[in-house]
Protein backbone atom coordinates (compact mmCIF):
# COMPACT_ATOMS: atom_id res chain seq x y z
CA MET A 1 62.71 -9.10 -15.78
CA LEU A 2 61.19 -9.87 -19.40
CA PRO A 3 63.29 -10.26 -22.13
CA ARG A 4 63.92 -7.40 -24.77
CA ASN A 5 65.13 -6.53 -27.76
CA SER A 6 65.73 -2.78 -27.27
CA ALA A 7 66.21 0.07 -29.87
CA MET A 8 66.32 4.09 -29.33
CA GLY A 9 63.35 5.05 -27.44
CA THR A 10 61.68 1.49 -27.93
CA GLU A 11 61.40 -1.77 -26.60
CA GLU A 12 59.87 -5.05 -27.84
CA ILE A 13 58.76 -7.75 -25.54
CA LYS A 14 59.09 -11.43 -25.85
CA GLY A 15 57.57 -14.57 -24.17
CA VAL A 16 54.85 -12.28 -22.72
CA ASP A 17 52.85 -13.59 -19.73
CA VAL A 18 49.43 -12.06 -20.77
CA GLY A 19 48.25 -12.12 -17.13
CA ASP A 20 50.95 -9.24 -15.99
CA TRP A 21 53.21 -8.14 -18.98
CA PHE A 22 52.08 -4.69 -18.07
CA THR A 23 54.11 -4.52 -15.09
CA GLN A 24 57.52 -5.12 -16.28
CA LEU A 25 57.63 -2.05 -18.14
CA GLU A 26 59.86 0.56 -17.86
CA TYR A 27 58.56 4.26 -17.64
CA GLU A 28 58.18 6.53 -20.43
CA GLN A 29 59.49 4.08 -23.20
CA TRP A 30 57.66 2.89 -26.02
CA VAL A 31 56.79 -1.24 -26.01
CA ALA A 32 55.71 -3.01 -29.29
CA ILE A 33 53.24 -5.39 -27.84
CA PRO A 34 53.15 -8.89 -29.32
CA VAL A 35 49.53 -9.42 -30.35
CA PHE A 36 47.30 -12.54 -30.77
CA GLY A 37 44.52 -13.14 -33.79
CA THR A 38 44.61 -11.33 -37.00
CA ARG A 39 45.82 -7.97 -37.26
CA PRO A 40 44.16 -5.22 -38.59
CA SER A 41 45.34 -4.13 -42.30
CA ALA A 42 48.08 -1.38 -41.76
CA ARG A 43 46.92 1.79 -42.21
CA TYR A 44 46.44 5.82 -41.42
CA LYS A 45 44.56 8.57 -40.99
CA HIS A 46 42.05 6.53 -39.13
CA ALA A 47 40.34 7.11 -36.19
CA ALA A 48 40.61 5.29 -32.83
CA ALA A 49 39.17 5.07 -29.29
CA ILE A 50 39.46 3.56 -25.74
CA ALA A 51 36.12 1.71 -24.26
CA ASP A 52 36.03 -0.78 -21.66
CA ASP A 53 39.78 -1.75 -21.54
CA LYS A 54 39.75 -2.12 -25.20
CA LEU A 55 40.96 -0.08 -28.56
CA TYR A 56 38.63 0.39 -31.04
CA ILE A 57 39.81 1.24 -34.53
CA PHE A 58 37.68 2.37 -37.66
CA GLY A 59 38.10 3.25 -41.34
CA GLY A 60 41.53 4.99 -42.62
CA SER A 61 43.12 4.81 -45.51
CA ARG A 62 45.72 2.61 -47.51
CA ASN A 63 47.40 3.07 -50.97
CA GLY A 64 44.53 5.69 -51.76
CA ARG A 65 41.67 3.62 -50.76
CA TYR A 66 39.37 4.46 -47.96
CA LEU A 67 38.69 1.50 -45.65
CA SER A 68 35.32 0.89 -43.25
CA ASP A 69 36.31 -2.23 -41.37
CA ILE A 70 36.20 -1.66 -37.04
CA GLN A 71 38.83 -3.62 -35.35
CA VAL A 72 39.03 -4.12 -31.53
CA PHE A 73 42.13 -4.81 -29.52
CA ASP A 74 41.85 -6.09 -25.92
CA PHE A 75 44.65 -5.09 -23.45
CA GLY A 76 44.07 -7.88 -21.42
CA SER A 77 44.22 -10.82 -23.63
CA LEU A 78 46.49 -9.16 -26.21
CA ALA A 79 44.32 -9.68 -29.04
CA TRP A 80 42.66 -8.43 -31.88
CA SER A 81 39.07 -9.24 -33.38
CA SER A 82 36.05 -8.10 -35.35
CA ILE A 83 32.79 -7.31 -34.30
CA LYS A 84 29.63 -7.65 -36.12
CA LEU A 85 27.05 -4.84 -36.32
CA ASN A 86 23.46 -4.39 -36.10
CA ILE A 87 22.54 -1.94 -38.42
CA GLU A 88 19.21 0.51 -38.48
CA LEU A 89 17.66 1.31 -41.43
CA ASN A 90 14.42 3.78 -41.23
CA GLY A 91 13.78 2.62 -37.29
CA HIS A 92 14.41 -1.18 -38.56
CA LYS A 93 17.26 -3.20 -37.55
CA VAL A 94 19.03 -5.45 -39.67
CA GLU A 95 21.02 -8.40 -37.51
CA GLU A 96 24.70 -8.98 -38.13
CA MET A 97 25.87 -7.31 -40.89
CA GLY A 98 29.72 -6.55 -41.86
CA SER A 99 31.36 -3.30 -40.92
CA GLN A 100 32.35 -2.68 -44.52
CA GLU A 101 28.01 -2.40 -45.23
CA ALA A 102 27.12 -0.87 -42.09
CA LEU A 103 29.75 2.47 -41.71
CA PRO A 104 31.03 4.11 -45.05
CA ALA A 105 34.52 4.32 -45.81
CA THR A 106 36.09 6.85 -44.44
CA SER A 107 39.62 8.88 -44.00
CA ASP A 108 40.56 11.64 -41.43
CA HIS A 109 37.41 11.27 -39.31
CA SER A 110 37.14 11.71 -35.77
CA MET A 111 35.47 8.75 -33.10
CA VAL A 112 34.63 9.61 -29.36
CA LYS A 113 33.21 8.16 -26.32
CA TRP A 114 30.20 9.26 -25.19
CA GLY A 115 28.11 7.41 -22.54
CA ASN A 116 28.00 3.77 -23.85
CA LYS A 117 27.95 4.58 -27.55
CA LEU A 118 31.33 5.50 -29.84
CA LEU A 119 30.02 8.41 -31.74
CA LEU A 120 32.10 8.64 -35.68
CA LEU A 121 31.95 11.86 -37.27
CA SER A 122 32.65 11.80 -41.02
CA GLY A 123 35.58 12.85 -43.03
CA HIS A 124 36.64 12.30 -46.50
CA SER A 125 34.74 9.49 -48.21
CA LYS A 126 33.90 8.72 -51.71
CA ASN A 127 29.87 9.45 -51.08
CA SER A 128 30.30 12.03 -48.73
CA SER A 129 27.35 14.64 -47.91
CA SER A 130 27.80 18.23 -47.81
CA SER A 131 27.52 18.73 -44.27
CA MET A 132 29.11 16.57 -41.61
CA ILE A 133 27.15 13.30 -40.44
CA VAL A 134 27.37 11.64 -37.02
CA HIS A 135 27.19 7.95 -37.17
CA PHE A 136 27.20 5.85 -33.39
CA ILE A 137 27.97 2.17 -32.40
CA ASP A 138 26.16 1.43 -29.22
CA LEU A 139 28.58 -1.28 -27.21
CA GLN A 140 25.99 -2.74 -25.55
CA THR A 141 23.79 -3.95 -28.49
CA GLN A 142 26.45 -3.25 -31.43
CA GLN A 143 23.77 -1.41 -33.09
CA VAL A 144 24.95 1.04 -35.56
CA GLY A 145 23.18 4.22 -37.48
CA ILE A 146 22.98 7.65 -37.87
CA LEU A 147 21.90 10.39 -35.10
CA GLU A 148 19.62 12.84 -36.10
CA THR A 149 21.14 16.47 -35.70
CA SER A 150 19.94 20.06 -35.85
CA GLY A 151 21.11 23.55 -35.84
CA ASP A 152 24.16 24.99 -38.04
CA SER A 153 26.16 21.83 -39.12
CA PRO A 154 29.60 22.00 -40.02
CA SER A 155 30.41 21.52 -43.88
CA ALA A 156 32.02 18.11 -44.87
CA ARG A 157 35.35 18.01 -43.89
CA GLY A 158 38.47 15.67 -43.04
CA GLY A 159 41.66 16.78 -41.01
CA TYR A 160 39.77 18.30 -38.36
CA SER A 161 40.04 18.21 -34.45
CA ALA A 162 37.03 17.04 -32.22
CA THR A 163 37.61 17.47 -28.75
CA ILE A 164 34.92 16.91 -25.70
CA VAL A 165 34.45 19.55 -23.32
CA GLY A 166 31.96 18.95 -20.71
CA SER A 167 28.68 17.83 -22.90
CA ARG A 168 29.83 19.64 -25.71
CA LEU A 169 31.87 18.53 -28.88
CA VAL A 170 34.28 21.34 -30.40
CA ILE A 171 35.14 21.00 -33.92
CA PHE A 172 37.81 23.35 -35.00
CA GLY A 173 39.39 24.06 -38.58
CA GLY A 174 39.99 21.00 -41.50
CA GLU A 175 39.72 21.02 -44.89
CA ASP A 176 36.53 20.49 -47.04
CA ARG A 177 35.87 18.64 -50.24
CA SER A 178 37.10 21.35 -52.31
CA ARG A 179 40.36 21.69 -50.49
CA LYS A 180 39.75 24.78 -48.91
CA LEU A 181 41.59 25.39 -45.42
CA LEU A 182 38.99 25.99 -42.74
CA ASN A 183 39.55 27.64 -39.04
CA ASP A 184 35.80 27.99 -38.25
CA ILE A 185 34.45 26.57 -34.71
CA HIS A 186 31.42 24.39 -34.01
CA THR A 187 29.89 22.89 -31.24
CA LEU A 188 27.45 19.64 -31.03
CA ASN A 189 25.58 19.91 -27.87
CA LEU A 190 25.62 16.06 -26.95
CA GLU A 191 22.60 16.17 -25.04
CA THR A 192 20.33 17.90 -27.50
CA MET A 193 22.51 17.21 -30.44
CA MET A 194 22.29 20.60 -31.80
CA TRP A 195 25.03 22.04 -33.87
CA GLU A 196 26.36 25.55 -33.75
CA LEU A 197 28.50 27.83 -35.25
CA VAL A 198 30.70 30.13 -32.51
CA GLU A 199 31.59 33.64 -33.27
CA SER A 200 35.24 34.23 -31.79
CA MET A 201 37.13 37.34 -30.92
CA GLN A 202 40.62 38.54 -31.37
CA THR A 203 43.33 36.67 -34.11
CA PRO A 204 42.25 32.94 -34.44
CA PRO A 205 44.72 30.45 -35.57
CA ALA A 206 45.46 30.46 -39.65
CA PRO A 207 43.20 27.97 -41.46
CA ARG A 208 44.87 24.64 -41.36
CA PHE A 209 44.22 20.61 -41.06
CA ASP A 210 45.67 17.61 -39.65
CA HIS A 211 46.10 19.64 -36.05
CA THR A 212 45.36 18.30 -32.36
CA ALA A 213 43.47 19.95 -30.15
CA ALA A 214 42.87 19.60 -26.35
CA VAL A 215 41.11 20.82 -23.36
CA HIS A 216 42.59 22.01 -20.00
CA ALA A 217 40.47 23.02 -16.89
CA GLY A 218 37.26 22.49 -18.48
CA ARG A 219 37.87 26.11 -20.31
CA TYR A 220 40.85 26.60 -22.77
CA LEU A 221 41.05 24.56 -26.01
CA LEU A 222 44.53 24.37 -26.93
CA VAL A 223 45.27 23.92 -30.98
CA PHE A 224 48.54 23.00 -32.00
CA GLY A 225 50.61 22.46 -35.46
CA GLY A 226 48.89 21.35 -38.55
CA CYS A 227 49.39 22.86 -42.18
CA SER A 228 48.33 24.71 -44.28
CA HIS A 229 48.78 23.54 -48.41
CA SER A 230 52.50 24.81 -47.89
CA ILE A 231 53.27 25.39 -44.79
CA PHE A 232 53.65 23.36 -41.64
CA PHE A 233 52.81 24.83 -38.12
CA ASN A 234 54.41 24.30 -34.73
CA ASP A 235 52.72 26.81 -33.28
CA LEU A 236 50.24 26.62 -29.75
CA HIS A 237 46.56 28.52 -29.52
CA VAL A 238 44.49 29.12 -26.68
CA LEU A 239 40.57 29.74 -27.25
CA ASP A 240 39.19 30.63 -24.02
CA LEU A 241 35.57 28.89 -24.07
CA GLN A 242 33.77 30.97 -21.77
CA THR A 243 34.57 34.59 -23.71
CA MET A 244 35.62 32.95 -26.70
CA GLU A 245 38.89 34.87 -27.09
CA TRP A 246 41.77 33.39 -28.99
CA SER A 247 45.29 34.13 -27.63
CA GLN A 248 48.69 32.72 -28.65
CA PRO A 249 50.83 32.54 -25.17
CA GLU A 250 54.33 32.80 -24.75
CA ILE A 251 55.60 29.19 -24.62
CA GLN A 252 58.65 27.74 -22.49
CA GLY A 253 60.68 24.49 -22.39
CA ASP A 254 62.06 22.54 -25.53
CA LEU A 255 61.97 23.73 -29.08
CA VAL A 256 59.26 21.81 -30.96
CA THR A 257 59.73 21.38 -34.47
CA PRO A 258 56.76 22.09 -36.78
CA ARG A 259 54.44 19.06 -37.66
CA ALA A 260 51.03 17.82 -38.87
CA GLY A 261 49.55 14.69 -38.83
CA HIS A 262 50.56 13.91 -35.24
CA ALA A 263 48.50 12.46 -32.69
CA GLY A 264 47.49 13.61 -28.81
CA VAL A 265 45.93 12.97 -26.13
CA SER A 266 45.72 14.70 -22.18
CA ILE A 267 46.26 13.30 -19.34
CA ASP A 268 45.31 15.21 -16.29
CA GLU A 269 47.74 18.15 -16.36
CA HIS A 270 49.92 17.04 -19.35
CA TRP A 271 49.31 16.84 -23.19
CA TYR A 272 51.14 14.08 -24.89
CA ILE A 273 52.11 14.42 -28.89
CA VAL A 274 53.70 11.67 -30.69
CA GLY A 275 54.76 11.43 -34.33
CA GLY A 276 53.53 13.75 -37.37
CA GLY A 277 55.97 15.16 -39.97
CA ASP A 278 56.40 17.68 -42.89
CA ASN A 279 56.39 15.21 -46.21
CA LYS A 280 60.17 15.31 -45.82
CA ASN A 281 61.08 13.74 -42.08
CA GLY A 282 58.87 12.11 -39.24
CA SER A 283 59.02 13.89 -35.91
CA VAL A 284 60.87 11.26 -34.01
CA GLU A 285 59.96 12.77 -30.48
CA THR A 286 57.13 12.32 -28.11
CA LEU A 287 56.26 15.23 -26.75
CA ALA A 288 54.65 16.70 -22.92
CA LEU A 289 53.05 19.72 -22.81
CA ASN A 290 52.88 20.86 -19.11
CA MET A 291 49.46 22.72 -19.70
CA PRO A 292 49.10 24.84 -16.70
CA LYS A 293 53.03 25.88 -17.24
CA LEU A 294 52.68 26.10 -21.02
CA ALA A 295 56.11 24.47 -21.17
CA TRP A 296 57.01 21.84 -23.68
CA SER A 297 59.44 18.53 -22.68
CA THR A 298 60.46 15.64 -24.76
CA LEU A 299 60.06 12.20 -23.03
CA THR A 300 61.77 10.16 -25.69
CA SER A 301 62.59 9.78 -29.13
CA VAL A 302 62.74 7.07 -31.68
CA LYS A 303 64.67 6.25 -34.60
CA GLU A 304 63.98 7.97 -37.87
CA ARG A 305 61.87 5.48 -39.99
CA HIS A 306 60.12 4.17 -36.61
CA PRO A 307 56.42 3.42 -37.17
CA LEU A 308 55.99 5.91 -34.19
CA ALA A 309 57.71 8.89 -36.61
CA SER A 310 54.98 8.93 -38.68
CA GLU A 311 51.82 10.75 -39.84
CA GLY A 312 48.45 9.80 -39.59
CA LEU A 313 48.81 7.44 -36.41
CA SER A 314 46.63 7.53 -33.30
CA VAL A 315 47.16 7.78 -29.48
CA CYS A 316 44.72 6.99 -27.04
CA SER A 317 45.10 7.09 -22.85
CA ALA A 318 44.54 3.54 -21.54
CA LEU A 319 43.63 2.61 -17.89
CA ILE A 320 45.30 -0.85 -17.33
CA ASN A 321 45.35 -2.52 -13.95
CA GLY A 322 44.99 1.40 -12.28
CA GLU A 323 48.07 2.60 -14.06
CA LYS A 324 47.76 5.13 -17.24
CA TYR A 325 49.21 4.24 -20.63
CA LEU A 326 49.78 5.62 -23.90
CA ALA A 327 48.43 3.24 -26.92
CA SER A 328 49.34 4.28 -30.45
CA PHE A 329 48.66 2.26 -33.50
CA GLY A 330 48.97 2.61 -37.53
CA GLY A 331 50.47 5.43 -39.39
CA TYR A 332 52.49 6.33 -42.51
CA ASN A 333 56.26 7.02 -43.24
CA GLY A 334 56.91 5.80 -46.37
CA LYS A 335 55.01 2.35 -45.35
CA TYR A 336 52.20 1.81 -43.78
CA THR A 337 51.82 -0.48 -39.90
CA ASN A 338 49.65 -1.89 -38.16
CA GLU A 339 51.44 -2.08 -34.90
CA VAL A 340 50.33 -1.49 -31.52
CA PHE A 341 52.86 0.19 -28.95
CA VAL A 342 51.91 1.31 -25.42
CA MET A 343 54.03 3.46 -23.11
CA ARG A 344 54.00 3.23 -19.33
CA LEU A 345 53.26 6.96 -17.77
CA LYS A 346 55.05 8.15 -14.38
CA PRO A 347 53.08 9.27 -11.86
CA ARG A 348 52.43 12.97 -11.74
CA ASP A 349 51.39 15.76 -9.35
CA THR A 350 48.18 17.39 -10.32
CA LEU A 351 48.99 20.80 -10.31
CA ARG A 352 46.35 24.03 -9.86
CA PRO A 353 45.37 25.22 -13.19
CA LYS A 354 46.23 28.77 -13.93
CA ILE A 355 44.88 30.92 -16.19
CA TYR A 356 46.74 32.01 -19.42
CA GLN A 357 48.16 35.22 -19.30
CA SER A 358 46.81 37.52 -21.75
CA PRO A 359 46.11 41.09 -21.02
CA ALA A 360 42.43 40.19 -20.83
CA ALA A 361 42.90 37.23 -18.70
CA ALA A 362 44.91 38.71 -16.22
CA ALA A 363 42.16 41.23 -15.67
CA ALA A 364 39.79 38.38 -15.52
CA ALA A 365 42.09 36.78 -13.11
CA ALA A 366 42.18 39.79 -11.10
CA SER A 367 38.28 40.01 -11.24
CA VAL A 368 38.06 36.31 -9.98
CA THR A 369 40.30 36.78 -7.00
CA ALA A 370 38.53 39.84 -6.00
CA ALA A 371 35.32 38.19 -5.89
CA TYR A 372 36.99 34.84 -4.19
CA ALA A 373 38.24 37.46 -1.46
CA LEU A 374 34.59 39.22 -1.09
CA ALA A 375 33.46 35.78 -0.38
CA LYS A 376 35.64 34.43 1.77
CA SER A 377 35.99 37.78 3.69
CA GLU A 378 32.33 37.19 4.51
CA LYS A 379 33.03 33.73 5.96
CA LEU A 380 36.27 35.31 8.01
CA ASP A 381 33.81 37.82 9.21
CA ALA A 382 31.30 35.51 10.60
CA SER A 383 34.03 33.38 12.15
CA ARG A 384 35.70 36.20 13.69
CA ILE A 385 31.92 37.16 15.21
CA GLU A 386 31.82 33.79 16.64
CA ALA A 387 35.60 33.97 18.43
CA ASN A 388 34.71 37.05 19.76
CA SER A 389 31.67 35.45 21.69
CA ARG A 390 33.99 32.97 22.54
CA GLU A 391 36.40 34.80 24.13
CA GLN A 392 33.70 36.61 26.21
CA GLY A 393 32.39 33.20 27.50
CA LYS A 394 28.88 33.01 28.52
CA LYS A 395 28.67 36.73 28.14
CA LYS A 396 26.33 37.81 24.86
CA PRO A 397 27.76 40.48 23.38
CA SER A 398 25.68 43.59 23.77
CA GLN A 399 23.69 45.35 20.70
CA GLU A 400 26.29 47.92 20.11
CA ASP A 401 29.33 45.78 19.93
CA LEU A 402 27.00 43.91 17.20
CA VAL A 403 26.42 47.29 15.25
CA ILE A 404 29.92 48.25 15.25
CA GLU A 405 31.12 44.90 14.38
CA ILE A 406 28.37 45.12 11.31
CA ASP A 407 29.71 48.05 10.46
CA ALA A 408 33.17 46.97 10.21
CA ILE A 409 32.22 44.09 7.74
CA LYS A 410 30.13 46.42 5.91
CA GLU A 411 33.00 48.80 5.33
CA ASP A 412 35.25 45.61 4.50
CA LYS A 413 32.56 44.35 1.95
CA LYS A 414 32.59 47.88 0.33
CA THR A 415 36.30 48.13 -0.03
CA LEU A 416 36.45 44.97 -1.93
CA GLU A 417 33.28 45.81 -3.84
CA VAL A 418 35.26 49.05 -4.77
CA SER A 419 38.22 46.48 -5.75
CA LEU A 420 36.12 44.70 -7.51
CA ALA A 421 34.67 47.58 -9.74
CA ASP A 422 38.58 48.74 -10.15
CA ALA A 423 39.30 45.33 -11.75
CA ARG A 424 36.32 44.78 -13.71
CA ALA A 425 37.21 48.87 -14.96
CA GLU A 426 40.61 47.81 -15.68
CA ASN A 427 39.56 44.68 -17.58
CA SER A 428 37.23 46.73 -19.53
CA GLY A 429 40.26 49.30 -20.62
CA LEU A 430 42.47 46.56 -21.45
CA ARG A 431 39.93 45.12 -23.86
CA GLU A 432 39.41 48.44 -25.04
CA LYS A 433 43.13 48.76 -25.68
CA ILE A 434 43.27 45.45 -27.33
CA ASP A 435 40.27 46.42 -29.80
CA GLU A 436 42.63 49.65 -30.50
CA VAL A 437 45.68 47.59 -31.18
CA ASN A 438 43.51 45.21 -33.61
CA SER A 439 42.14 48.11 -35.30
CA THR A 440 45.51 49.71 -36.12
CA HIS A 441 46.87 46.44 -37.23
CA ALA A 442 44.13 46.25 -39.42
CA ASP A 443 44.52 49.77 -40.73
CA LEU A 444 48.60 48.49 -40.70
CA SER A 445 47.52 45.65 -42.77
CA LYS A 446 45.48 47.51 -45.31
CA GLU A 447 48.20 50.25 -45.78
CA LEU A 448 50.85 47.46 -46.53
CA HIS A 449 48.35 45.76 -48.76
CA SER A 450 47.87 48.99 -50.48
CA VAL A 451 52.11 49.83 -50.75
CA GLN A 452 52.61 46.05 -52.02
CA GLY A 453 50.07 46.73 -54.67
CA GLN A 454 51.95 50.24 -55.47
CA LEU A 455 54.99 48.34 -55.66
CA VAL A 456 53.64 45.55 -57.87
CA THR A 457 52.46 48.50 -60.58
CA GLU A 458 55.96 49.97 -60.10
CA ARG A 459 57.53 46.65 -60.73
CA SER A 460 55.15 46.34 -63.74
CA ARG A 461 56.48 50.18 -64.81
CA CYS A 462 60.39 49.27 -64.38
CA PHE A 463 60.16 46.17 -66.63
CA LYS A 464 58.03 48.19 -69.02
CA LEU A 465 60.73 50.81 -69.00
CA GLU A 466 63.39 48.19 -69.13
CA ALA A 467 61.99 46.68 -72.24
CA GLN A 468 61.68 49.94 -73.93
CA ILE A 469 65.38 50.79 -73.09
CA ALA A 470 66.34 47.65 -74.77
CA GLU A 471 64.72 48.56 -77.71
CA LEU A 472 66.03 51.59 -78.08
CA GLN A 473 69.71 50.66 -77.56
CA LYS A 474 69.19 47.60 -80.40
CA ALA A 475 67.65 51.14 -82.30
CA LEU A 476 70.83 53.28 -81.62
CA GLU A 477 73.15 50.14 -82.67
CA SER A 478 71.48 50.46 -85.59
CA LEU A 479 71.85 54.11 -86.74
CA GLU A 480 75.69 53.33 -85.52
CA SER A 481 75.80 51.07 -88.74
CA ILE A 482 73.48 53.01 -91.03
CA GLU A 483 75.92 56.30 -90.15
CA ASN A 484 78.69 54.10 -91.29
CA GLU A 485 77.00 53.28 -94.57
CA VAL A 486 76.38 56.71 -95.22
CA GLN A 487 79.76 57.76 -94.70
CA LEU A 488 80.98 55.00 -96.98
CA LEU A 489 78.77 56.26 -99.79
CA ARG A 490 79.54 59.78 -99.00
CA ARG A 491 83.07 58.90 -100.03
CA GLN A 492 81.92 56.75 -102.96
CA LYS A 493 80.36 59.56 -104.15
CA SER A 494 82.98 61.71 -103.76
CA VAL A 495 85.30 59.81 -106.09
CA LEU A 496 82.78 59.29 -108.51
CA GLU A 497 81.92 63.19 -108.71
CA GLN A 498 85.99 63.55 -108.99
CA GLU A 499 86.16 60.92 -111.61
CA ILE A 500 83.44 62.85 -113.79
CA GLU A 501 85.04 66.16 -113.65
CA MET A 502 88.00 64.61 -115.15
CA ASN A 503 86.23 63.05 -117.56
CA ASP A 504 84.64 66.25 -118.42
CA ALA A 505 88.26 68.09 -118.69
CA ALA A 506 89.05 65.48 -121.09
CA GLN A 507 86.33 65.45 -123.45
CA LYS A 508 86.95 69.51 -123.73
CA GLN A 509 90.41 69.16 -124.49
CA GLY A 510 90.03 66.27 -127.04
CA SER A 511 87.25 68.15 -128.89
CA GLY A 512 89.89 71.23 -129.53
CA VAL A 513 92.46 69.38 -130.85
CA TRP A 514 90.09 67.88 -133.70
CA ARG A 515 89.24 71.33 -134.49
CA TRP A 516 92.48 72.16 -135.38
CA ILE A 517 93.37 69.25 -137.01
CA ALA A 518 90.45 69.86 -139.33
CA GLY A 519 91.13 73.80 -139.73
């Protein structure tokens, strides 16, 4: 057993035997790998992809500065290395240029493997164009260049999700150069390199960035978490890529906290989510979503401030010695990191996919079931005829028996066709009900906005009335003081008038005495 330093949910290997280090790891525990060679600079919001048992890291951000280097980690030798790229300019190759010169410094971007190439989809950079650009790195020739695309390309953005579905790359959401939040859907046909803006139905997720996305059963696009400029999400939305209908199914299992800047990767029927946070706390849980059952579970947890409880980290699926591992790099939780962590996954049974149980999906499932029953019935009827023939030995069935058998098959077929038609009619009816509910919801939303507008107007009137009342109260208070002054003046006037009358009387009396003396 290898010596380890253990912590909550993580281990650190010491004294590693490079040849078989992975055979000693415990299941579903993160392990920090001691590496050889010069480590890449610590960073977050970079792009990562696995190719040929190697982890490729490109770009990212550190202290507000965009990075443009590309680094490679070999899981066999546990060593980091950098590569020299051959850049193609106007159809001519320039040999062995550093990645800083070949690729623009970028953050919040994506990297996916397609064939023998790594495709780099642009994110935020100092000199970003108005639309999304696709660079490529040829893993055989190490040539780098720009792929020519056509069609309705997405606007330049960062923090979006890029998910490969068959030969299509599905882009959802993000934040553009003016910080406008997006929830649009674009697809890139990787065979024709043509972009297409996809129109969807039903209620889409709220505009967001720094979310994650995965595909299930080659048909359903799952979008989890992310944030707006003020809200962090923990919701799960599902887009049926055949009908282009959004739904928000009921989720089971563990309670999941809101987060953004997390990383995710799907392996078989499970979608693994690592890290993220809400600008206050990092998310310490490593989650697994059972996609057929739509149930969350917590695989393990790390301590707070651990590198895996970071925003802007990456996680990929690595196949080492025939076993599946999670591999994580980078991130920021107050401190930038450049450690490599791996988790050995338990072998899991592959479950049969199910169709998500929205009303429309349920009706679609009934249609599929009926069609499957119809096809199966024809095969069973053919087997039944063959069995009857064997029971009769060498005796060939008569023409009448064959006619009866064929009529019975036709009747069964008609019954199944009626069932299929009923299922389709039910599906159509459910769609109409959904459209009606959506229309009612839209009308109620308009009415709510109208009432909210009226409330704002009434509140404004109330504020004005309260101001007028306050002014009137002040006026009344001043009137009371004026009345007191008037009463005081009246009393003073009354006293003055009495004094005047007394003086007049005294003057009259005095004038009579002088006349008597003089006479």
